C-alpha atoms as a PDB file:
ATOM      1  CA  MET A   1      -8.859 -35.245 -34.108  1.00  0.00           C
ATOM      2  CA  ILE A   2     -11.742 -37.374 -32.634  1.00  0.00           C
ATOM      3  CA  LYS A   3      -9.114 -38.131 -29.838  1.00  0.00           C
ATOM      4  CA  THR A   4      -8.214 -34.411 -30.198  1.00  0.00           C
ATOM      5  CA  ALA A   5     -12.074 -33.601 -29.484  1.00  0.00           C
ATOM      6  CA  MET A   6     -12.207 -35.687 -26.458  1.00  0.00           C
ATOM      7  CA  PHE A   7      -9.174 -34.803 -25.187  1.00  0.00           C
ATOM      8  CA  THR A   8     -10.882 -31.550 -25.141  1.00  0.00           C
ATOM      9  CA  THR A   9     -13.811 -32.464 -23.856  1.00  0.00           C
ATOM     10  CA  ALA A  10     -12.062 -34.998 -20.677  1.00  0.00           C
ATOM     11  CA  ILE A  11     -10.509 -31.769 -19.937  1.00  0.00           C
ATOM     12  CA  LEU A  12     -13.914 -29.095 -19.569  1.00  0.00           C
ATOM     13  CA  LEU A  13     -15.407 -32.029 -18.005  1.00  0.00           C
ATOM     14  CA  ALA A  14     -12.525 -31.992 -15.219  1.00  0.00           C
ATOM     15  CA  THR A  15     -12.066 -28.262 -15.279  1.00  0.00           C
ATOM     16  CA  ALA A  16     -16.125 -28.062 -14.734  1.00  0.00           C
ATOM     17  CA  THR A  17     -16.195 -31.041 -11.833  1.00  0.00           C
ATOM     18  CA  PHE A  18     -13.304 -29.307 -10.183  1.00  0.00           C
ATOM     19  CA  ALA A  19     -14.697 -25.821 -10.339  1.00  0.00           C
ATOM     20  CA  SER A  20     -17.947 -27.159  -8.676  1.00  0.00           C
ATOM     21  CA  ALA A  21     -15.432 -28.995  -6.242  1.00  0.00           C
ATOM     22  CA  GLY A  22     -14.198 -25.432  -5.207  1.00  0.00           C
ATOM     23  CA  SER A  23     -16.948 -23.557  -5.149  1.00  0.00           C
ATOM     24  CA  LEU A  24     -18.019 -26.339  -3.200  1.00  0.00           C
ATOM     25  CA  GLY A  25     -21.704 -26.345  -4.305  1.00  0.00           C
ATOM     26  CA  ARG A  26     -22.440 -26.087  -1.027  1.00  0.00           C
ATOM     27  CA  PRO A  27     -22.222 -24.201   2.426  1.00  0.00           C
ATOM     28  CA  CYS A  28     -18.285 -24.199   4.002  1.00  0.00           C
ATOM     29  CA  THR A  29     -19.978 -24.577   7.330  1.00  0.00           C
ATOM     30  CA  SER A  30     -23.245 -25.608   9.159  1.00  0.00           C
ATOM     31  CA  ALA A  31     -22.254 -23.648  12.467  1.00  0.00           C
ATOM     32  CA  PRO A  32     -25.214 -20.663  13.224  1.00  0.00           C
ATOM     33  CA  GLN A  33     -24.248 -17.075  11.677  1.00  0.00           C
ATOM     34  CA  SER A  34     -23.309 -16.252  15.578  1.00  0.00           C
ATOM     35  CA  GLN A  35     -20.102 -17.881  15.363  1.00  0.00           C
ATOM     36  CA  TRP A  36     -18.441 -17.012  12.782  1.00  0.00           C
ATOM     37  CA  LEU A  37     -15.912 -14.897  12.505  1.00  0.00           C
ATOM     38  CA  SER A  38     -16.015 -10.733  10.865  1.00  0.00           C
ATOM     39  CA  LEU A  39     -14.448 -10.785   7.264  1.00  0.00           C
ATOM     40  CA  ASP A  40     -11.701  -8.248   8.600  1.00  0.00           C
ATOM     41  CA  ALA A  41     -10.407 -11.955  11.232  1.00  0.00           C
ATOM     42  CA  ILE A  42     -11.135 -14.130   8.486  1.00  0.00           C
ATOM     43  CA  GLN A  43      -9.054 -11.827   5.536  1.00  0.00           C
ATOM     44  CA  ALA A  44      -6.418 -11.217   8.448  1.00  0.00           C
ATOM     45  CA  LYS A  45      -5.962 -15.299   9.097  1.00  0.00           C
ATOM     46  CA  VAL A  46      -5.782 -16.010   5.247  1.00  0.00           C
ATOM     47  CA  GLU A  47      -2.969 -13.102   5.155  1.00  0.00           C
ATOM     48  CA  SER A  48      -0.787 -14.590   7.628  1.00  0.00           C
ATOM     49  CA  LEU A  49      -0.801 -17.878   5.342  1.00  0.00           C
ATOM     50  CA  GLY A  50       0.864 -15.453   2.145  1.00  0.00           C
ATOM     51  CA  TYR A  51      -2.494 -14.624   0.653  1.00  0.00           C
ATOM     52  CA  ARG A  52      -3.173 -10.952  -0.474  1.00  0.00           C
ATOM     53  CA  VAL A  53      -6.063 -10.198  -0.384  1.00  0.00           C
ATOM     54  CA  GLN A  54      -7.887  -7.404  -3.081  1.00  0.00           C
ATOM     55  CA  LYS A  55     -12.093  -8.893  -2.357  1.00  0.00           C
ATOM     56  CA  ALA A  56     -13.663 -10.862   0.219  1.00  0.00           C
ATOM     57  CA  LYS A  57     -17.444 -11.445   0.830  1.00  0.00           C
ATOM     58  CA  LEU A  58     -19.450 -14.085   2.836  1.00  0.00           C
ATOM     59  CA  LYS A  59     -21.296 -15.874   0.420  1.00  0.00           C
ATOM     60  CA  ALA A  60     -23.727 -19.106   1.085  1.00  0.00           C
ATOM     61  CA  ALA A  61     -22.581 -19.996   4.664  1.00  0.00           C
ATOM     62  CA  CYS A  62     -18.968 -19.052   3.284  1.00  0.00           C
ATOM     63  CA  GLY A  63     -16.108 -17.033   2.828  1.00  0.00           C
ATOM     64  CA  GLU A  64     -14.703 -16.017  -0.610  1.00  0.00           C
ATOM     65  CA  LEU A  65     -11.489 -14.512  -0.827  1.00  0.00           C
ATOM     66  CA  TYR A  66     -10.263 -13.508  -4.169  1.00  0.00           C
ATOM     67  CA  THR A  67      -6.415 -13.218  -3.644  1.00  0.00           C
ATOM     68  CA  ILE A  68      -2.402 -12.874  -5.269  1.00  0.00           C
ATOM     69  CA  ASP A  69      -0.352 -16.065  -4.095  1.00  0.00           C
ATOM     70  CA  LYS A  70       3.407 -15.694  -3.174  1.00  0.00           C
ATOM     71  CA  ASN A  71       4.172 -16.672  -6.340  1.00  0.00           C
ATOM     72  CA  GLY A  72       1.551 -13.724  -8.040  1.00  0.00           C
ATOM     73  CA  SER A  73      -0.868 -16.074  -9.026  1.00  0.00           C
ATOM     74  CA  ARG A  74      -4.538 -15.196  -9.015  1.00  0.00           C
ATOM     75  CA  VAL A  75      -6.297 -18.316  -6.976  1.00  0.00           C
ATOM     76  CA  GLU A  76     -10.380 -17.709  -5.711  1.00  0.00           C
ATOM     77  CA  LEU A  77      -9.830 -19.137  -1.789  1.00  0.00           C
ATOM     78  CA  PHE A  78     -13.329 -20.679  -0.308  1.00  0.00           C
ATOM     79  CA  VAL A  79     -13.105 -20.510   3.469  1.00  0.00           C
ATOM     80  CA  ASP A  80     -15.510 -22.218   6.567  1.00  0.00           C
ATOM     81  CA  PRO A  81     -16.715 -18.852   8.319  1.00  0.00           C
ATOM     82  CA  THR A  82     -15.863 -20.290  11.623  1.00  0.00           C
ATOM     83  CA  THR A  83     -11.912 -21.283  11.596  1.00  0.00           C
ATOM     84  CA  ALA A  84     -11.317 -19.602   8.384  1.00  0.00           C
ATOM     85  CA  ALA A  85      -9.644 -22.474   6.870  1.00  0.00           C
ATOM     86  CA  ILE A  86      -9.679 -22.834   3.047  1.00  0.00           C
ATOM     87  CA  VAL A  87     -11.512 -25.687   2.000  1.00  0.00           C
ATOM     88  CA  GLY A  88     -11.923 -24.820  -1.647  1.00  0.00           C
ATOM     89  CA  GLN A  89      -9.687 -22.973  -4.630  1.00  0.00           C
ATOM     90  CA  LEU A  90     -10.096 -21.784  -7.581  1.00  0.00           C
END
């Protein structure tokens, strides 16, 4: 019973850490907004990688895209708004 509780706690902590890493907890870029791509351009670049974008927004100097991947799974992507490079995901 104790081992199960410890294992569950470890999984929850790992998941929380991954979520924090994925959502970055920090900006994706320090470049000025004048150097950012448009939201449409970011979306197009992500779609060219095989994702189907359902919703996209810019938040805290990071593009947040809610997508469906090639396998049909939902994936939240965090992208650098200057390059549309994926820098994290959930």
